[in-house]
């Protein structure tokens, strides 16, 4: 790889699976790979190199002048975006994730071999108490605490948080979190955090039965408001 034009001194090589360091530099991307989705954010996938600034993120002539709004103009520091000049508008977002339960957990819940249509969510309990209602409360609390957990998220005045838990397969619970607000920035991080925390609460409620419970498939389903809408449907 080559050094970037801004003189950052870290060379990276694009590969189909991600980004690999070619210089052993100290930047945050220097170790291992980043997700292939970063191709769309950092530039066109292909056989070319990219340099990143140290010690944090960005390139003085690359990322800082592109689409990464949380990078300072000199490309060396992450920052909180100033949204003070924006007019508050209606913002909505929905996120989901899944909790896969192993056979021993299904046995402990008393639902092994029972069809989805015959399962009652209200009866799902563990030694800690009711599972679904606890997960819903955790998801609501998690969404409200997003700005305390994610460094550059703005504290928002949320108008509604809806968390839902449902069977989506014989061994999987699906968690969705929908968030609404009238504010200057979007609520997708609140929806993602709410879904994540609700799923973690399910794990906590059931971990006595197995540590092989898996949480995955976390994704934003849709958002509305702001510069652009998004839908995964």
Protein backbone atom coordinates (compact mmCIF):
# COMPACT_ATOMS: atom_id res chain seq x y z
CA UNK A 1 0.00 0.00 0.00
CA UNK A 2 0.95 3.65 -0.32
CA UNK A 3 0.94 6.49 2.14
CA UNK A 4 -2.09 8.73 1.92
CA UNK A 5 -1.77 12.15 0.34
CA UNK A 6 -2.26 13.79 3.72
CA UNK A 7 0.92 12.14 5.01
CA UNK A 8 -0.83 9.97 7.56
CA UNK A 9 1.69 7.17 7.22
CA UNK A 10 -0.65 4.20 7.40
CA UNK A 11 -1.19 2.12 4.27
CA UNK A 12 -4.21 -0.13 3.85
CA UNK A 13 -5.11 -2.49 1.03
CA UNK A 14 -8.67 -3.16 -0.09
CA UNK A 15 -9.59 -6.83 -0.32
CA UNK A 16 -13.00 -8.41 -1.03
CA UNK A 17 -13.35 -9.42 2.63
CA UNK A 18 -12.32 -6.10 4.11
CA UNK A 19 -9.31 -3.87 4.73
CA UNK A 20 -5.87 -5.11 5.70
CA UNK A 21 -2.91 -3.06 6.91
CA UNK A 22 0.10 -3.06 4.62
CA UNK A 23 2.40 -0.98 6.80
CA UNK A 24 1.75 -2.15 10.35
CA UNK A 25 0.65 1.37 11.22
CA UNK A 26 -0.89 2.47 14.48
CA UNK A 27 -4.29 3.60 13.22
CA UNK A 28 -7.49 2.01 14.49
CA UNK A 29 -7.92 0.14 11.21
CA UNK A 30 -4.35 -1.16 11.21
CA UNK A 31 -5.18 -4.38 13.02
CA UNK A 32 -7.32 -6.96 11.22
CA UNK A 33 -10.20 -6.07 8.91
CA UNK A 34 -13.20 -3.80 8.90
CA UNK A 35 -16.63 -4.96 7.80
CA UNK A 36 -17.18 -5.09 4.02
CA UNK A 37 -20.00 -2.58 4.48
CA UNK A 38 -17.33 0.02 5.17
CA UNK A 39 -16.50 -0.21 1.46
CA UNK A 40 -19.63 1.81 0.78
CA UNK A 41 -18.69 4.40 3.39
CA UNK A 42 -14.98 4.82 2.77
CA UNK A 43 -15.01 4.41 -0.99
CA UNK A 44 -15.49 2.11 -3.92
CA UNK A 45 -14.37 -1.52 -3.37
CA UNK A 46 -11.45 -2.43 -5.55
CA UNK A 47 -7.71 -2.88 -5.82
CA UNK A 48 -6.57 0.41 -4.35
CA UNK A 49 -5.00 1.66 -1.13
CA UNK A 50 -6.20 4.02 1.53
CA UNK A 51 -4.32 5.86 4.28
CA UNK A 52 -5.75 6.67 7.67
CA UNK A 53 -4.55 9.19 10.22
CA UNK A 54 -3.18 8.27 13.61
CA UNK A 55 -3.90 8.00 16.43
CA UNK A 56 -7.63 7.99 15.83
CA UNK A 57 -9.66 7.98 12.62
CA UNK A 58 -9.82 9.90 9.39
CA UNK A 59 -7.45 11.21 6.76
CA UNK A 60 -6.70 14.90 6.44
CA UNK A 61 -7.46 14.84 2.71
CA UNK A 62 -9.73 11.80 2.65
CA UNK A 63 -12.28 10.79 5.21
CA UNK A 64 -12.53 14.20 6.87
CA UNK A 65 -13.77 15.75 3.64
CA UNK A 66 -16.12 12.87 2.83
CA UNK A 67 -19.21 11.51 4.53
CA UNK A 68 -17.89 10.88 8.05
CA UNK A 69 -19.53 13.72 9.95
CA UNK A 70 -18.08 12.60 13.29
CA UNK A 71 -14.48 13.32 12.17
CA UNK A 72 -12.90 16.74 12.70
CA UNK A 73 -11.78 18.84 9.72
CA UNK A 74 -8.12 17.97 10.25
CA UNK A 75 -8.99 14.27 10.27
CA UNK A 76 -7.40 13.49 13.61
CA UNK A 77 -10.18 13.71 16.18
CA UNK A 78 -13.66 12.28 16.51
CA UNK A 79 -16.28 14.81 17.49
CA UNK A 80 -19.92 15.34 18.33
CA UNK A 81 -21.87 16.82 15.42
CA UNK A 82 -23.37 20.25 16.08
CA UNK A 83 -27.10 20.01 15.31
CA UNK A 84 -28.04 23.30 16.98
CA UNK A 85 -28.98 25.00 13.72
CA UNK A 86 -31.37 22.25 12.65
CA UNK A 87 -35.14 22.57 13.01
CA UNK A 88 -36.75 19.79 15.08
CA UNK A 89 -38.75 17.39 12.92
CA UNK A 90 -40.50 14.08 13.45
CA UNK A 91 -38.01 11.20 13.61
CA UNK A 92 -38.83 7.48 13.65
CA UNK A 93 -36.78 4.30 13.58
CA UNK A 94 -37.29 0.57 14.08
CA UNK A 95 -34.57 -2.00 14.75
CA UNK A 96 -34.62 -5.73 15.36
CA UNK A 97 -32.47 -8.58 16.60
CA UNK A 98 -32.93 -12.27 17.32
CA UNK A 99 -32.25 -14.49 20.30
CA UNK A 100 -31.59 -18.13 19.42
CA UNK A 101 -32.35 -20.60 22.20
CA UNK A 102 -30.64 -24.02 22.50
CA UNK A 103 -32.65 -27.22 23.14
CA UNK A 104 -32.00 -27.21 26.89
CA UNK A 105 -33.42 -23.70 27.21
CA UNK A 106 -36.52 -24.65 25.23
CA UNK A 107 -36.94 -27.61 27.59
CA UNK A 108 -36.57 -25.36 30.62
CA UNK A 109 -39.24 -23.04 29.21
CA UNK A 110 -41.58 -25.97 28.59
CA UNK A 111 -42.02 -25.16 24.91
CA UNK A 112 -39.93 -27.92 23.30
CA UNK A 113 -42.04 -29.73 20.71
CA UNK A 114 -44.90 -27.21 20.98
CA UNK A 115 -45.96 -25.35 17.83
CA UNK A 116 -45.55 -21.59 17.67
CA UNK A 117 -49.29 -20.97 17.53
CA UNK A 118 -49.76 -22.76 20.86
CA UNK A 119 -47.03 -20.92 22.74
CA UNK A 120 -47.99 -18.20 25.18
CA UNK A 121 -45.42 -15.44 25.68
CA UNK A 122 -46.99 -14.49 28.99
CA UNK A 123 -46.09 -17.87 30.48
CA UNK A 124 -42.37 -17.61 29.70
CA UNK A 125 -40.72 -17.38 33.09
CA UNK A 126 -37.42 -18.23 34.69
CA UNK A 127 -36.16 -18.27 38.26
CA UNK A 128 -35.68 -14.50 37.92
CA UNK A 129 -39.27 -13.79 36.91
CA UNK A 130 -41.29 -13.02 33.77
CA UNK A 131 -39.02 -12.97 30.73
CA UNK A 132 -40.92 -10.95 28.14
CA UNK A 133 -42.07 -8.09 30.38
CA UNK A 134 -38.56 -7.80 31.82
CA UNK A 135 -37.08 -7.64 28.32
CA UNK A 136 -39.55 -4.95 27.28
CA UNK A 137 -38.70 -2.82 30.31
CA UNK A 138 -34.99 -3.30 29.66
CA UNK A 139 -35.40 -2.27 26.03
CA UNK A 140 -37.24 0.91 26.97
CA UNK A 141 -34.62 1.78 29.58
CA UNK A 142 -31.80 1.00 27.14
CA UNK A 143 -33.24 3.25 24.43
CA UNK A 144 -33.51 6.13 26.91
CA UNK A 145 -29.88 5.63 27.99
CA UNK A 146 -28.40 5.58 24.48
CA UNK A 147 -26.57 8.89 24.80
CA UNK A 148 -24.93 7.61 28.00
CA UNK A 149 -23.63 4.52 26.21
CA UNK A 150 -22.68 5.72 22.71
CA UNK A 151 -20.16 8.59 22.98
CA UNK A 152 -21.38 10.97 20.27
CA UNK A 153 -25.13 10.34 20.41
CA UNK A 154 -27.13 13.40 21.43
CA UNK A 155 -29.49 13.25 24.41
CA UNK A 156 -32.95 13.25 22.86
CA UNK A 157 -36.45 13.85 24.16
CA UNK A 158 -38.11 10.63 23.05
CA UNK A 159 -41.86 10.74 22.62
CA UNK A 160 -42.47 6.99 22.32
CA UNK A 161 -40.62 3.68 22.66
CA UNK A 162 -42.29 0.41 21.68
CA UNK A 163 -40.53 -2.91 22.33
CA UNK A 164 -42.01 -6.17 21.11
CA UNK A 165 -40.92 -9.77 21.69
CA UNK A 166 -42.32 -12.63 19.61
CA UNK A 167 -41.50 -16.13 18.47
CA UNK A 168 -40.08 -15.94 14.94
CA UNK A 169 -38.93 -19.58 14.73
CA UNK A 170 -39.26 -22.67 16.89
CA UNK A 171 -35.97 -21.80 18.59
CA UNK A 172 -35.80 -18.02 18.13
CA UNK A 173 -37.31 -15.00 19.80
CA UNK A 174 -37.42 -11.83 17.73
CA UNK A 175 -37.05 -8.44 19.41
CA UNK A 176 -38.10 -5.21 17.73
CA UNK A 177 -37.76 -1.69 19.09
CA UNK A 178 -39.47 1.34 17.55
CA UNK A 179 -38.63 4.86 18.69
CA UNK A 180 -40.17 8.23 17.88
CA UNK A 181 -39.14 11.78 18.67
CA UNK A 182 -39.56 15.38 17.55
CA UNK A 183 -35.94 16.42 17.47
CA UNK A 184 -32.92 17.65 15.48
CA UNK A 185 -31.29 14.26 14.86
CA UNK A 186 -32.40 10.71 14.15
CA UNK A 187 -33.37 7.97 16.59
CA UNK A 188 -31.91 4.91 14.86
CA UNK A 189 -29.25 4.48 17.53
CA UNK A 190 -31.95 4.53 20.20
CA UNK A 191 -33.88 1.82 18.34
CA UNK A 192 -30.75 -0.31 17.89
CA UNK A 193 -29.76 0.10 21.53
CA UNK A 194 -33.25 -0.72 22.76
CA UNK A 195 -33.40 -3.93 20.73
CA UNK A 196 -29.91 -4.92 21.89
CA UNK A 197 -30.58 -4.33 25.58
CA UNK A 198 -33.90 -6.19 25.44
CA UNK A 199 -32.13 -9.17 23.89
CA UNK A 200 -29.42 -9.03 26.54
CA UNK A 201 -32.11 -9.06 29.22
CA UNK A 202 -33.55 -12.25 27.70
CA UNK A 203 -30.08 -13.79 27.84
CA UNK A 204 -29.73 -12.76 31.48
CA UNK A 205 -33.12 -14.20 32.38
CA UNK A 206 -32.30 -17.55 30.75
CA UNK A 207 -28.55 -18.02 31.17
CA UNK A 208 -29.09 -20.40 34.09
CA UNK A 209 -30.44 -22.93 31.58
CA UNK A 210 -27.58 -22.57 29.07
CA UNK A 211 -24.72 -20.32 28.07
CA UNK A 212 -25.21 -21.31 24.43
CA UNK A 213 -27.93 -18.69 23.91
CA UNK A 214 -27.02 -16.59 20.89
CA UNK A 215 -27.92 -12.99 20.08
CA UNK A 216 -27.57 -11.87 16.48
CA UNK A 217 -29.02 -10.37 13.32
CA UNK A 218 -29.14 -6.88 14.81
CA UNK A 219 -30.19 -4.45 12.10
CA UNK A 220 -32.01 -1.22 11.43
CA UNK A 221 -35.28 -2.05 9.67
CA UNK A 222 -36.43 1.44 8.78
CA UNK A 223 -36.02 5.09 9.62
CA UNK A 224 -37.94 8.20 8.65
CA UNK A 225 -37.14 11.87 8.98
CA UNK A 226 -33.95 13.83 8.53
CA UNK A 227 -31.83 13.95 5.40
CA UNK A 228 -32.94 10.57 4.06
CA UNK A 229 -35.32 7.74 4.82
CA UNK A 230 -34.34 4.08 4.88
CA UNK A 231 -36.23 0.79 4.67
CA UNK A 232 -34.91 -2.75 4.62
CA UNK A 233 -38.25 -4.14 3.39
